[in-house]
Amino acid sequence: MLTTKKKNVAIKSAARHDTDTGSPDVQIALLSGQIDELAKHLKKNPKDFHSRRGLLQMVANRRTHLRYLETSNKRHYNALIKKLGLKK
């Protein structure tokens, strides 16, 4: 679970304008933060299969958003990939 401060930082770093909270860029940034937090949890708790299933769903959701962003706006996609440090 992301704290409010971490969530606000992620939103501000990926937002296209001041009140942007729902663009694909922001959604991908939030999902990436949640994925990182859950991956840390799963390293400590390797038998937590319910959380592992949630992690896989988040990864699939992020991949879907990335695919949409790549087809709709290649420039934003490339910038976001570099900013978040994701593989292409």
N, C-alpha and C. Protein backbone atom coordinates (compact mmCIF):
# COMPACT_ATOMS: atom_id res chain seq x y z
N MET A 1 0.84 -1.18 0.00
CA MET A 1 0.00 0.00 0.00
C MET A 1 0.88 1.24 0.00
N LEU A 2 0.65 2.12 -0.92
CA LEU A 2 1.41 3.36 -0.99
C LEU A 2 0.88 4.36 0.02
N THR A 3 1.79 5.05 0.67
CA THR A 3 1.36 6.11 1.59
C THR A 3 0.90 7.31 0.77
N THR A 4 0.21 8.21 1.40
CA THR A 4 -0.31 9.39 0.71
C THR A 4 0.82 10.24 0.16
N LYS A 5 1.90 10.36 0.90
CA LYS A 5 3.03 11.17 0.44
C LYS A 5 3.67 10.56 -0.80
N LYS A 6 3.89 9.23 -0.78
CA LYS A 6 4.49 8.57 -1.94
C LYS A 6 3.56 8.66 -3.15
N LYS A 7 2.28 8.56 -2.89
CA LYS A 7 1.30 8.64 -3.98
C LYS A 7 1.30 10.03 -4.60
N ASN A 8 1.34 11.07 -3.77
CA ASN A 8 1.38 12.44 -4.29
C ASN A 8 2.65 12.71 -5.08
N VAL A 9 3.77 12.18 -4.62
CA VAL A 9 5.04 12.36 -5.34
C VAL A 9 4.96 11.68 -6.71
N ALA A 10 4.41 10.48 -6.75
CA ALA A 10 4.28 9.77 -8.02
C ALA A 10 3.35 10.51 -8.98
N ILE A 11 2.27 11.06 -8.45
CA ILE A 11 1.32 11.80 -9.29
C ILE A 11 1.97 13.05 -9.84
N LYS A 12 2.68 13.80 -8.98
CA LYS A 12 3.32 15.04 -9.43
C LYS A 12 4.42 14.78 -10.45
N SER A 13 5.12 13.66 -10.31
CA SER A 13 6.22 13.39 -11.23
C SER A 13 5.73 12.98 -12.62
N ALA A 14 4.53 12.41 -12.71
CA ALA A 14 4.05 11.92 -13.99
C ALA A 14 2.90 12.72 -14.57
N ALA A 15 2.38 13.69 -13.83
CA ALA A 15 1.20 14.44 -14.27
C ALA A 15 1.52 15.31 -15.48
N ARG A 16 0.56 15.41 -16.37
CA ARG A 16 0.71 16.26 -17.56
C ARG A 16 0.36 17.71 -17.26
N HIS A 17 -0.54 17.93 -16.28
CA HIS A 17 -0.90 19.28 -15.85
C HIS A 17 -1.21 19.24 -14.36
N ASP A 18 -1.54 20.36 -13.78
CA ASP A 18 -1.66 20.47 -12.32
C ASP A 18 -2.72 19.57 -11.71
N THR A 19 -3.85 19.42 -12.36
CA THR A 19 -4.95 18.64 -11.78
C THR A 19 -5.06 17.24 -12.37
N ASP A 20 -4.01 16.77 -12.99
CA ASP A 20 -4.03 15.47 -13.66
C ASP A 20 -3.85 14.35 -12.65
N THR A 21 -4.86 13.49 -12.53
CA THR A 21 -4.75 12.33 -11.65
C THR A 21 -5.16 11.04 -12.35
N GLY A 22 -5.59 11.11 -13.60
CA GLY A 22 -6.10 9.91 -14.23
C GLY A 22 -5.52 9.58 -15.59
N SER A 23 -4.54 10.33 -16.05
CA SER A 23 -3.96 10.03 -17.35
C SER A 23 -3.19 8.71 -17.28
N PRO A 24 -2.94 8.09 -18.41
CA PRO A 24 -2.20 6.82 -18.39
C PRO A 24 -0.82 6.97 -17.74
N ASP A 25 -0.19 8.14 -17.92
CA ASP A 25 1.12 8.36 -17.31
C ASP A 25 1.05 8.23 -15.79
N VAL A 26 0.06 8.86 -15.20
CA VAL A 26 -0.10 8.84 -13.75
C VAL A 26 -0.47 7.44 -13.28
N GLN A 27 -1.36 6.78 -13.99
CA GLN A 27 -1.78 5.44 -13.60
C GLN A 27 -0.61 4.47 -13.64
N ILE A 28 0.25 4.59 -14.66
CA ILE A 28 1.41 3.72 -14.76
C ILE A 28 2.39 4.00 -13.63
N ALA A 29 2.59 5.27 -13.30
CA ALA A 29 3.49 5.64 -12.20
C ALA A 29 2.98 5.08 -10.86
N LEU A 30 1.68 5.19 -10.63
CA LEU A 30 1.11 4.66 -9.38
C LEU A 30 1.22 3.14 -9.32
N LEU A 31 0.92 2.49 -10.43
CA LEU A 31 1.03 1.03 -10.46
C LEU A 31 2.47 0.59 -10.23
N SER A 32 3.42 1.33 -10.79
CA SER A 32 4.83 0.98 -10.60
C SER A 32 5.22 1.09 -9.13
N GLY A 33 4.74 2.12 -8.46
CA GLY A 33 5.01 2.26 -7.04
C GLY A 33 4.41 1.14 -6.22
N GLN A 34 3.18 0.78 -6.54
CA GLN A 34 2.51 -0.31 -5.83
C GLN A 34 3.22 -1.64 -6.09
N ILE A 35 3.67 -1.85 -7.32
CA ILE A 35 4.37 -3.08 -7.67
C ILE A 35 5.68 -3.18 -6.89
N ASP A 36 6.41 -2.09 -6.77
CA ASP A 36 7.66 -2.09 -6.02
C ASP A 36 7.41 -2.43 -4.55
N GLU A 37 6.40 -1.82 -3.96
CA GLU A 37 6.08 -2.08 -2.55
C GLU A 37 5.69 -3.55 -2.34
N LEU A 38 4.88 -4.07 -3.24
CA LEU A 38 4.42 -5.45 -3.10
C LEU A 38 5.55 -6.44 -3.36
N ALA A 39 6.47 -6.10 -4.24
CA ALA A 39 7.62 -6.98 -4.49
C ALA A 39 8.49 -7.07 -3.24
N LYS A 40 8.67 -5.95 -2.54
CA LYS A 40 9.42 -5.97 -1.27
C LYS A 40 8.73 -6.87 -0.26
N HIS A 41 7.41 -6.77 -0.19
CA HIS A 41 6.63 -7.59 0.74
C HIS A 41 6.80 -9.07 0.42
N LEU A 42 6.77 -9.40 -0.87
CA LEU A 42 6.85 -10.81 -1.26
C LEU A 42 8.25 -11.40 -1.06
N LYS A 43 9.27 -10.55 -1.05
CA LYS A 43 10.61 -11.06 -0.74
C LYS A 43 10.70 -11.49 0.72
N LYS A 44 9.98 -10.77 1.59
CA LYS A 44 9.97 -11.14 3.01
C LYS A 44 9.00 -12.27 3.29
N ASN A 45 7.94 -12.37 2.49
CA ASN A 45 6.88 -13.37 2.71
C ASN A 45 6.67 -14.19 1.43
N PRO A 46 7.55 -15.14 1.16
CA PRO A 46 7.47 -15.86 -0.12
C PRO A 46 6.25 -16.77 -0.27
N LYS A 47 5.58 -17.10 0.82
CA LYS A 47 4.43 -18.00 0.72
C LYS A 47 3.09 -17.26 0.64
N ASP A 48 3.12 -15.96 0.50
CA ASP A 48 1.90 -15.16 0.42
C ASP A 48 1.38 -15.19 -1.02
N PHE A 49 0.65 -16.22 -1.34
CA PHE A 49 0.22 -16.43 -2.71
C PHE A 49 -0.92 -15.50 -3.12
N HIS A 50 -1.72 -15.05 -2.16
CA HIS A 50 -2.80 -14.12 -2.49
C HIS A 50 -2.23 -12.78 -2.94
N SER A 51 -1.20 -12.32 -2.27
CA SER A 51 -0.55 -11.06 -2.68
C SER A 51 0.18 -11.23 -4.00
N ARG A 52 0.73 -12.41 -4.23
CA ARG A 52 1.41 -12.68 -5.49
C ARG A 52 0.43 -12.57 -6.67
N ARG A 53 -0.78 -13.06 -6.45
CA ARG A 53 -1.80 -12.97 -7.49
C ARG A 53 -2.15 -11.51 -7.77
N GLY A 54 -2.25 -10.70 -6.71
CA GLY A 54 -2.51 -9.28 -6.88
C GLY A 54 -1.38 -8.59 -7.62
N LEU A 55 -0.14 -9.00 -7.32
CA LEU A 55 1.02 -8.44 -8.02
C LEU A 55 0.95 -8.74 -9.51
N LEU A 56 0.62 -9.96 -9.85
CA LEU A 56 0.53 -10.33 -11.27
C LEU A 56 -0.58 -9.55 -11.98
N GLN A 57 -1.68 -9.30 -11.28
CA GLN A 57 -2.75 -8.51 -11.87
C GLN A 57 -2.30 -7.07 -12.10
N MET A 58 -1.55 -6.50 -11.15
CA MET A 58 -1.06 -5.13 -11.31
C MET A 58 -0.07 -5.04 -12.45
N VAL A 59 0.80 -6.03 -12.59
CA VAL A 59 1.76 -6.03 -13.69
C VAL A 59 1.04 -6.10 -15.03
N ALA A 60 0.01 -6.93 -15.11
CA ALA A 60 -0.76 -7.04 -16.35
C ALA A 60 -1.49 -5.73 -16.65
N ASN A 61 -2.03 -5.09 -15.61
CA ASN A 61 -2.73 -3.82 -15.79
C ASN A 61 -1.76 -2.74 -16.26
N ARG A 62 -0.56 -2.69 -15.66
CA ARG A 62 0.44 -1.72 -16.08
C ARG A 62 0.87 -1.96 -17.52
N ARG A 63 1.02 -3.22 -17.89
CA ARG A 63 1.40 -3.56 -19.26
C ARG A 63 0.33 -3.09 -20.25
N THR A 64 -0.93 -3.23 -19.88
CA THR A 64 -2.03 -2.78 -20.73
C THR A 64 -1.99 -1.26 -20.90
N HIS A 65 -1.78 -0.54 -19.81
CA HIS A 65 -1.68 0.92 -19.88
C HIS A 65 -0.47 1.35 -20.72
N LEU A 66 0.65 0.64 -20.56
CA LEU A 66 1.84 0.98 -21.34
C LEU A 66 1.60 0.76 -22.83
N ARG A 67 0.93 -0.32 -23.16
CA ARG A 67 0.64 -0.61 -24.57
C ARG A 67 -0.26 0.47 -25.16
N TYR A 68 -1.26 0.90 -24.39
CA TYR A 68 -2.14 1.97 -24.85
C TYR A 68 -1.36 3.27 -25.06
N LEU A 69 -0.51 3.60 -24.10
CA LEU A 69 0.26 4.84 -24.18
C LEU A 69 1.23 4.80 -25.36
N GLU A 70 1.80 3.63 -25.62
CA GLU A 70 2.73 3.49 -26.73
C GLU A 70 2.05 3.72 -28.08
N THR A 71 0.83 3.24 -28.20
CA THR A 71 0.13 3.41 -29.48
C THR A 71 -0.45 4.81 -29.63
N SER A 72 -0.84 5.43 -28.52
CA SER A 72 -1.50 6.72 -28.62
C SER A 72 -0.52 7.90 -28.61
N ASN A 73 0.57 7.79 -27.83
CA ASN A 73 1.49 8.92 -27.72
C ASN A 73 2.89 8.39 -27.45
N LYS A 74 3.64 8.16 -28.50
CA LYS A 74 4.97 7.54 -28.40
C LYS A 74 5.95 8.41 -27.60
N ARG A 75 5.83 9.73 -27.71
CA ARG A 75 6.75 10.64 -27.03
C ARG A 75 6.58 10.54 -25.51
N HIS A 76 5.33 10.54 -25.04
CA HIS A 76 5.06 10.41 -23.60
C HIS A 76 5.50 9.03 -23.10
N TYR A 77 5.29 8.02 -23.94
CA TYR A 77 5.68 6.65 -23.58
C TYR A 77 7.19 6.56 -23.34
N ASN A 78 7.98 7.08 -24.28
CA ASN A 78 9.43 7.01 -24.14
C ASN A 78 9.93 7.80 -22.94
N ALA A 79 9.34 8.97 -22.70
CA ALA A 79 9.74 9.77 -21.55
C ALA A 79 9.41 9.06 -20.23
N LEU A 80 8.25 8.44 -20.17
CA LEU A 80 7.83 7.75 -18.94
C LEU A 80 8.68 6.52 -18.67
N ILE A 81 9.03 5.79 -19.72
CA ILE A 81 9.87 4.60 -19.56
C ILE A 81 11.23 4.99 -18.97
N LYS A 82 11.79 6.08 -19.49
CA LYS A 82 13.08 6.54 -18.98
C LYS A 82 12.97 7.02 -17.54
N LYS A 83 11.89 7.76 -17.23
CA LYS A 83 11.71 8.32 -15.90
C LYS A 83 11.52 7.24 -14.84
N LEU A 84 10.75 6.19 -15.17
CA LEU A 84 10.47 5.14 -14.21
C LEU A 84 11.52 4.03 -14.21
N GLY A 85 12.36 4.01 -15.24
CA GLY A 85 13.40 2.98 -15.32
C GLY A 85 12.85 1.61 -15.69
N LEU A 86 11.82 1.58 -16.53
CA LEU A 86 11.23 0.33 -16.96
C LEU A 86 11.90 -0.15 -18.24
N LYS A 87 11.82 -1.47 -18.47
CA LYS A 87 12.34 -2.01 -19.71
C LYS A 87 11.32 -1.83 -20.82
N LYS A 88 11.78 -1.76 -22.04
CA LYS A 88 10.85 -1.64 -23.17
C LYS A 88 10.27 -2.96 -23.53
